[in-house]
Amino acid sequence: MSKHLIFLVLLHLLLAKESRCYRPFLMIHGINSDYTSMHQIKSWVNEDFPEMLTVSLDAFNNQYSIITLTTQVPHFAEMVKNITDIYGSVNLLGYSQGGIVARGVIEMGNNPNINNFISLSAPGLGEYGVPFLNSTGFFENVLSGGVYKVCYNKAGQLISGCNYWNDPNQHELYLSKNVYLPFLNNEIKHENSSKYKENFSNLSRLVLIGGPDDHVIQPWQSAQYSFWDEELNVVPYNQLGYYTDDLFGLRALDEQGKITFCTFPGVHHTHWPHNREVYEKCIRPYLG
């Protein structure tokens, strides 16, 4: 456990013994940023729930955020476990890349104490679009159709963004070379497939936040688990094989009425953690 996190937990235990009435609220930041990028949300939560432990997890900041997710996820999962071992159930938010990291923590971490998962403009079913890559400084001169040549090999999979690069026209390469997202989606059967699905299905609520003016997540509907077909038409989430075959538990949650879709026009990707209306309508109600 980091010194920063130890300090927060000890301070919280000393000053707010009754805070166990509230589940802690944990957040995972996005790519090319750090844990402080979530402090606006943290400040709003502190105003509304002063006794709630609110932690933006301090790991893989800035340039380290591009490290492969197969390294990041186990570390974040351990950080979450350190908190759930003390407090029990928590709510978890992941922003942008942090959302696909958080989903890995849920599925791979085997931690039954994650209550609600709030996915804030995250590439839930992957990314296929140069605007996202331009925003991170990678592949600026490469068209979307050529990114697979960089991503779908051993070297490329050392870069976090390549772990969720989902080229609809290179599906076989995606399945054979991508070391993260196909396993998370259970598109590839593996020894932990049933456990991944069980862990995701056990969420109390899945909150999917996104909008048409994001201009970074491509397609923006990936934030709500819809995605491109081979002709770059967006297929609704409940018509994709992930859902119809219930590969990782999305249909199970939907059939139980446990999915909330929050769609906001007029919000650019970098503004989601700083938009008060998004917080009040799509985050605050799910912090109980």
Protein backbone atom coordinates (compact mmCIF):
# COMPACT_ATOMS: atom_id res chain seq x y z
CA MET A 1 0.00 0.00 0.00
CA SER A 2 1.43 3.43 -0.93
CA LYS A 3 2.34 5.92 1.81
CA HIS A 4 -0.27 8.30 0.37
CA LEU A 5 -3.02 5.70 0.69
CA ILE A 6 -1.91 4.60 4.17
CA PHE A 7 -2.08 8.19 5.35
CA LEU A 8 -5.59 8.67 3.95
CA VAL A 9 -6.89 5.47 5.50
CA LEU A 10 -5.38 6.17 8.93
CA LEU A 11 -6.61 9.75 8.94
CA HIS A 12 -10.07 8.61 7.99
CA LEU A 13 -10.15 5.97 10.70
CA LEU A 14 -9.08 8.50 13.32
CA LEU A 15 -11.41 11.34 12.37
CA ALA A 16 -14.53 9.57 11.17
CA LYS A 17 -15.23 6.33 12.98
CA GLU A 18 -18.88 6.50 11.96
CA SER A 19 -17.86 6.66 8.28
CA ARG A 20 -18.36 2.89 8.01
CA CYS A 21 -21.98 3.80 7.30
CA TYR A 22 -20.74 4.85 3.87
CA ARG A 23 -18.98 2.73 1.33
CA PRO A 24 -15.58 4.15 0.35
CA PHE A 25 -15.47 5.64 -3.13
CA LEU A 26 -12.42 4.79 -5.23
CA MET A 27 -11.37 6.30 -8.56
CA ILE A 28 -8.89 5.35 -11.29
CA HIS A 29 -7.54 8.08 -13.56
CA GLY A 30 -7.07 8.01 -17.33
CA ILE A 31 -4.10 7.86 -19.67
CA ASN A 32 -1.48 10.65 -19.67
CA SER A 33 -2.77 11.97 -16.35
CA ASP A 34 -2.41 11.23 -12.66
CA TYR A 35 -4.48 10.64 -9.55
CA THR A 36 -4.85 14.39 -8.93
CA SER A 37 -6.89 14.71 -12.14
CA MET A 38 -9.84 13.25 -10.22
CA HIS A 39 -9.70 15.79 -7.40
CA GLN A 40 -12.61 17.89 -8.65
CA ILE A 41 -14.93 14.92 -8.24
CA LYS A 42 -13.27 14.17 -4.91
CA SER A 43 -13.98 17.70 -3.68
CA TRP A 44 -17.67 17.45 -4.65
CA VAL A 45 -17.97 14.09 -2.89
CA ASN A 46 -16.31 15.54 0.20
CA GLU A 47 -18.86 18.37 0.21
CA ASP A 48 -21.83 16.02 -0.14
CA PHE A 49 -20.52 13.12 1.95
CA PRO A 50 -17.89 14.49 4.35
CA GLU A 51 -17.70 11.19 6.22
CA MET A 52 -17.09 9.09 3.10
CA LEU A 53 -13.57 7.89 2.40
CA THR A 54 -12.84 9.06 -1.14
CA VAL A 55 -9.57 7.97 -2.76
CA SER A 56 -8.15 8.61 -6.21
CA LEU A 57 -5.76 5.68 -6.48
CA ASP A 58 -2.17 6.87 -6.77
CA ALA A 59 -0.49 4.60 -9.30
CA PHE A 60 0.71 4.57 -12.93
CA ASN A 61 0.66 8.34 -13.18
CA ASN A 62 1.50 10.39 -16.27
CA GLN A 63 4.09 8.63 -18.46
CA TYR A 64 3.64 5.40 -16.49
CA SER A 65 -0.01 5.28 -17.55
CA ILE A 66 1.06 3.82 -20.91
CA ILE A 67 2.45 0.66 -19.30
CA THR A 68 0.60 -2.47 -20.43
CA LEU A 69 -2.68 -3.10 -18.62
CA THR A 70 -1.61 -6.63 -17.79
CA THR A 71 0.80 -4.95 -15.36
CA GLN A 72 -1.47 -2.14 -14.22
CA VAL A 73 -4.59 -4.16 -13.41
CA PRO A 74 -3.07 -6.52 -10.79
CA HIS A 75 -1.50 -3.54 -9.02
CA PHE A 76 -4.74 -1.54 -8.93
CA ALA A 77 -6.60 -4.69 -7.85
CA GLU A 78 -4.24 -5.04 -4.89
CA MET A 79 -4.77 -1.39 -3.94
CA VAL A 80 -8.53 -1.93 -4.00
CA LYS A 81 -8.19 -5.09 -1.92
CA ASN A 82 -6.15 -3.21 0.69
CA ILE A 83 -9.14 -0.93 1.18
CA THR A 84 -11.87 -3.58 1.01
CA ASP A 85 -9.96 -5.65 3.60
CA ILE A 86 -10.51 -2.75 6.01
CA TYR A 87 -13.88 -1.37 4.98
CA GLY A 88 -15.67 -4.11 3.08
CA SER A 89 -17.79 -2.99 0.13
CA VAL A 90 -16.66 -0.04 -2.06
CA ASN A 91 -17.90 1.84 -5.11
CA LEU A 92 -15.46 2.17 -8.01
CA LEU A 93 -15.19 4.78 -10.77
CA GLY A 94 -12.88 4.56 -13.76
CA TYR A 95 -12.38 7.50 -16.11
CA SER A 96 -11.29 7.01 -19.73
CA GLN A 97 -8.55 4.35 -19.76
CA GLY A 98 -9.19 4.06 -16.04
CA GLY A 99 -12.60 2.62 -16.88
CA ILE A 100 -11.17 -0.29 -18.82
CA VAL A 101 -8.61 -0.75 -16.02
CA ALA A 102 -11.41 -0.74 -13.43
CA ARG A 103 -13.30 -3.34 -15.42
CA GLY A 104 -10.19 -5.51 -15.30
CA VAL A 105 -9.98 -5.02 -11.54
CA ILE A 106 -13.59 -6.20 -11.25
CA GLU A 107 -13.28 -9.24 -13.51
CA MET A 108 -9.72 -10.33 -12.72
CA GLY A 109 -9.40 -9.24 -9.10
CA ASN A 110 -11.87 -11.77 -7.64
CA ASN A 111 -12.94 -9.16 -5.12
CA PRO A 112 -16.61 -9.61 -4.11
CA ASN A 113 -16.61 -6.24 -2.35
CA ILE A 114 -17.02 -4.00 -5.39
CA ASN A 115 -20.57 -2.70 -5.28
CA ASN A 116 -21.27 -0.14 -8.05
CA PHE A 117 -19.02 0.41 -11.08
CA ILE A 118 -19.22 3.87 -12.64
CA SER A 119 -17.58 3.93 -16.06
CA LEU A 120 -16.91 7.56 -16.99
CA SER A 121 -16.35 7.99 -20.73
CA ALA A 122 -14.28 4.81 -20.97
CA PRO A 123 -13.60 2.68 -24.08
CA GLY A 124 -15.74 -0.14 -22.73
CA LEU A 125 -15.57 -2.29 -25.85
CA GLY A 126 -12.35 -0.82 -27.12
CA GLU A 127 -11.14 2.02 -29.28
CA TYR A 128 -10.95 2.46 -33.03
CA GLY A 129 -10.28 6.02 -34.06
CA VAL A 130 -7.29 8.31 -34.51
CA PRO A 131 -8.64 11.24 -32.42
CA PHE A 132 -8.05 9.21 -29.26
CA LEU A 133 -4.52 8.38 -30.29
CA ASN A 134 -3.77 11.97 -31.23
CA SER A 135 -4.87 13.07 -27.78
CA THR A 136 -2.28 10.81 -26.19
CA GLY A 137 0.57 11.71 -28.53
CA PHE A 138 0.81 8.23 -30.07
CA PHE A 139 0.60 7.33 -33.74
CA GLU A 140 -0.09 10.93 -34.81
CA ASN A 141 0.76 10.23 -38.43
CA VAL A 142 -0.89 6.84 -38.67
CA LEU A 143 -4.42 6.38 -39.97
CA SER A 144 -6.78 4.25 -37.92
CA GLY A 145 -6.60 1.44 -40.45
CA GLY A 146 -2.86 1.13 -39.95
CA VAL A 147 -2.66 1.19 -36.16
CA TYR A 148 -3.09 -2.58 -35.93
CA LYS A 149 0.38 -2.92 -37.47
CA VAL A 150 1.78 -1.14 -34.43
CA CYS A 151 -0.54 -2.68 -31.83
CA TYR A 152 -1.07 -6.28 -32.80
CA ASN A 153 2.35 -7.68 -31.90
CA LYS A 154 4.36 -8.31 -28.73
CA ALA A 155 5.99 -4.89 -28.68
CA GLY A 156 2.74 -3.05 -29.30
CA GLN A 157 1.00 -4.89 -26.49
CA LEU A 158 3.44 -3.31 -24.05
CA ILE A 159 1.54 -0.04 -24.64
CA SER A 160 -1.69 0.34 -22.70
CA GLY A 161 -3.67 1.90 -25.57
CA CYS A 162 -2.91 -1.10 -27.75
CA ASN A 163 -4.47 -3.41 -25.15
CA TYR A 164 -7.92 -2.06 -26.05
CA TRP A 165 -7.34 -1.16 -29.71
CA ASN A 166 -10.21 -3.03 -31.36
CA ASP A 167 -9.94 -2.91 -35.15
CA PRO A 168 -13.22 -4.26 -36.59
CA ASN A 169 -11.49 -5.04 -39.88
CA GLN A 170 -8.67 -7.04 -38.27
CA HIS A 171 -10.72 -9.16 -35.91
CA GLU A 172 -8.66 -12.34 -36.19
CA LEU A 173 -5.44 -10.46 -35.48
CA TYR A 174 -7.13 -8.72 -32.57
CA LEU A 175 -8.12 -12.09 -31.12
CA SER A 176 -4.72 -13.67 -31.63
CA LYS A 177 -2.45 -10.77 -30.65
CA ASN A 178 -4.29 -8.60 -28.13
CA VAL A 179 -3.37 -9.79 -24.64
CA TYR A 180 -6.08 -7.94 -22.70
CA LEU A 181 -9.46 -6.96 -24.14
CA PRO A 182 -10.39 -10.26 -25.87
CA PHE A 183 -9.80 -12.05 -22.55
CA LEU A 184 -11.75 -9.43 -20.60
CA ASN A 185 -14.64 -9.84 -23.06
CA ASN A 186 -14.35 -13.65 -22.92
CA GLU A 187 -14.12 -13.67 -26.69
CA ILE A 188 -11.32 -16.15 -26.09
CA LYS A 189 -12.15 -18.99 -23.75
CA HIS A 190 -9.64 -19.31 -20.93
CA GLU A 191 -9.44 -21.00 -17.56
CA ASN A 192 -10.86 -17.95 -15.76
CA SER A 193 -13.70 -17.18 -18.21
CA SER A 194 -16.51 -18.25 -15.90
CA LYS A 195 -14.99 -16.40 -12.95
CA TYR A 196 -14.60 -13.17 -14.97
CA LYS A 197 -18.27 -13.37 -15.94
CA GLU A 198 -19.37 -14.15 -12.40
CA ASN A 199 -17.40 -11.24 -10.98
CA PHE A 200 -18.87 -8.76 -13.46
CA SER A 201 -22.39 -10.13 -13.05
CA ASN A 202 -22.16 -9.66 -9.29
CA LEU A 203 -22.07 -5.86 -9.54
CA SER A 204 -24.98 -4.12 -7.87
CA ARG A 205 -25.05 -1.48 -10.59
CA LEU A 206 -23.17 -0.58 -13.77
CA VAL A 207 -23.31 3.13 -14.69
CA LEU A 208 -22.22 3.91 -18.27
CA ILE A 209 -21.51 7.60 -18.93
CA GLY A 210 -20.73 9.01 -22.38
CA GLY A 211 -21.85 11.44 -25.03
CA PRO A 212 -21.75 12.34 -28.74
CA ASP A 213 -19.41 15.32 -28.32
CA ASP A 214 -16.68 13.39 -26.54
CA HIS A 215 -14.44 13.50 -29.67
CA VAL A 216 -11.89 11.12 -28.15
CA ILE A 217 -13.58 7.78 -27.48
CA GLN A 218 -14.22 6.29 -30.93
CA PRO A 219 -17.01 5.45 -31.36
CA TRP A 220 -18.31 7.42 -28.40
CA GLN A 221 -20.91 4.67 -27.93
CA SER A 222 -18.12 2.34 -26.80
CA ALA A 223 -18.52 4.15 -23.48
CA GLN A 224 -21.96 2.47 -23.35
CA TYR A 225 -20.80 -0.91 -24.71
CA SER A 226 -21.90 -0.45 -28.32
CA PHE A 227 -19.33 -0.68 -31.12
CA TRP A 228 -18.54 -0.50 -34.83
CA ASP A 229 -19.22 -3.26 -37.32
CA GLU A 230 -16.85 -3.84 -40.25
CA GLU A 231 -18.48 -1.00 -42.20
CA LEU A 232 -18.10 1.37 -39.23
CA ASN A 233 -21.78 1.44 -38.41
CA VAL A 234 -22.47 1.52 -34.68
CA VAL A 235 -24.24 -1.63 -33.53
CA PRO A 236 -26.32 -1.19 -30.33
CA TYR A 237 -24.96 -2.97 -27.28
CA ASN A 238 -27.84 -5.45 -27.06
CA GLN A 239 -27.32 -6.62 -30.66
CA LEU A 240 -23.64 -7.49 -30.29
CA GLY A 241 -22.42 -11.01 -29.61
CA TYR A 242 -20.91 -9.92 -26.30
CA TYR A 243 -24.49 -9.29 -25.15
CA THR A 244 -26.55 -11.90 -26.98
CA ASP A 245 -24.19 -14.68 -25.85
CA ASP A 246 -23.69 -12.95 -22.49
CA LEU A 247 -19.96 -13.49 -22.70
CA PHE A 248 -18.97 -11.43 -19.67
CA GLY A 249 -22.24 -10.79 -17.83
CA LEU A 250 -23.53 -7.63 -19.51
CA ARG A 251 -26.87 -9.20 -20.48
CA ALA A 252 -27.27 -10.67 -16.99
CA LEU A 253 -26.93 -7.21 -15.46
CA ASP A 254 -29.28 -5.68 -18.04
CA GLU A 255 -31.98 -8.29 -17.49
CA GLN A 256 -31.86 -7.54 -13.77
CA GLY A 257 -32.27 -3.82 -14.43
CA LYS A 258 -28.83 -3.06 -13.06
CA ILE A 259 -27.48 -0.90 -15.91
CA THR A 260 -27.86 2.88 -15.97
CA PHE A 261 -27.07 4.76 -19.19
CA CYS A 262 -26.13 8.43 -18.75
CA THR A 263 -25.78 10.30 -22.06
CA PHE A 264 -24.68 13.94 -22.10
CA PRO A 265 -24.25 16.03 -25.26
CA GLY A 266 -21.84 18.94 -25.25
CA VAL A 267 -19.16 17.38 -23.03
CA HIS A 268 -15.66 16.98 -24.44
CA HIS A 269 -13.64 14.01 -23.24
CA THR A 270 -11.32 16.07 -21.05
CA HIS A 271 -14.24 17.78 -19.30
CA TRP A 272 -16.09 14.76 -17.85
CA PRO A 273 -14.37 14.82 -14.42
CA HIS A 274 -15.03 18.58 -14.15
CA ASN A 275 -18.70 18.72 -15.13
CA ARG A 276 -20.91 19.32 -12.09
CA GLU A 277 -24.11 18.19 -13.84
CA VAL A 278 -22.53 14.86 -14.79
CA TYR A 279 -21.45 14.39 -11.19
CA GLU A 280 -24.85 15.28 -9.74
CA LYS A 281 -26.91 13.16 -12.13
CA CYS A 282 -24.68 10.18 -12.86
CA ILE A 283 -22.17 9.79 -10.03
CA ARG A 284 -23.58 11.10 -6.77
CA PRO A 285 -26.76 8.96 -6.85
CA TYR A 286 -24.66 5.77 -6.93
CA LEU A 287 -22.35 6.46 -3.99
CA GLY A 288 -24.59 4.93 -1.33
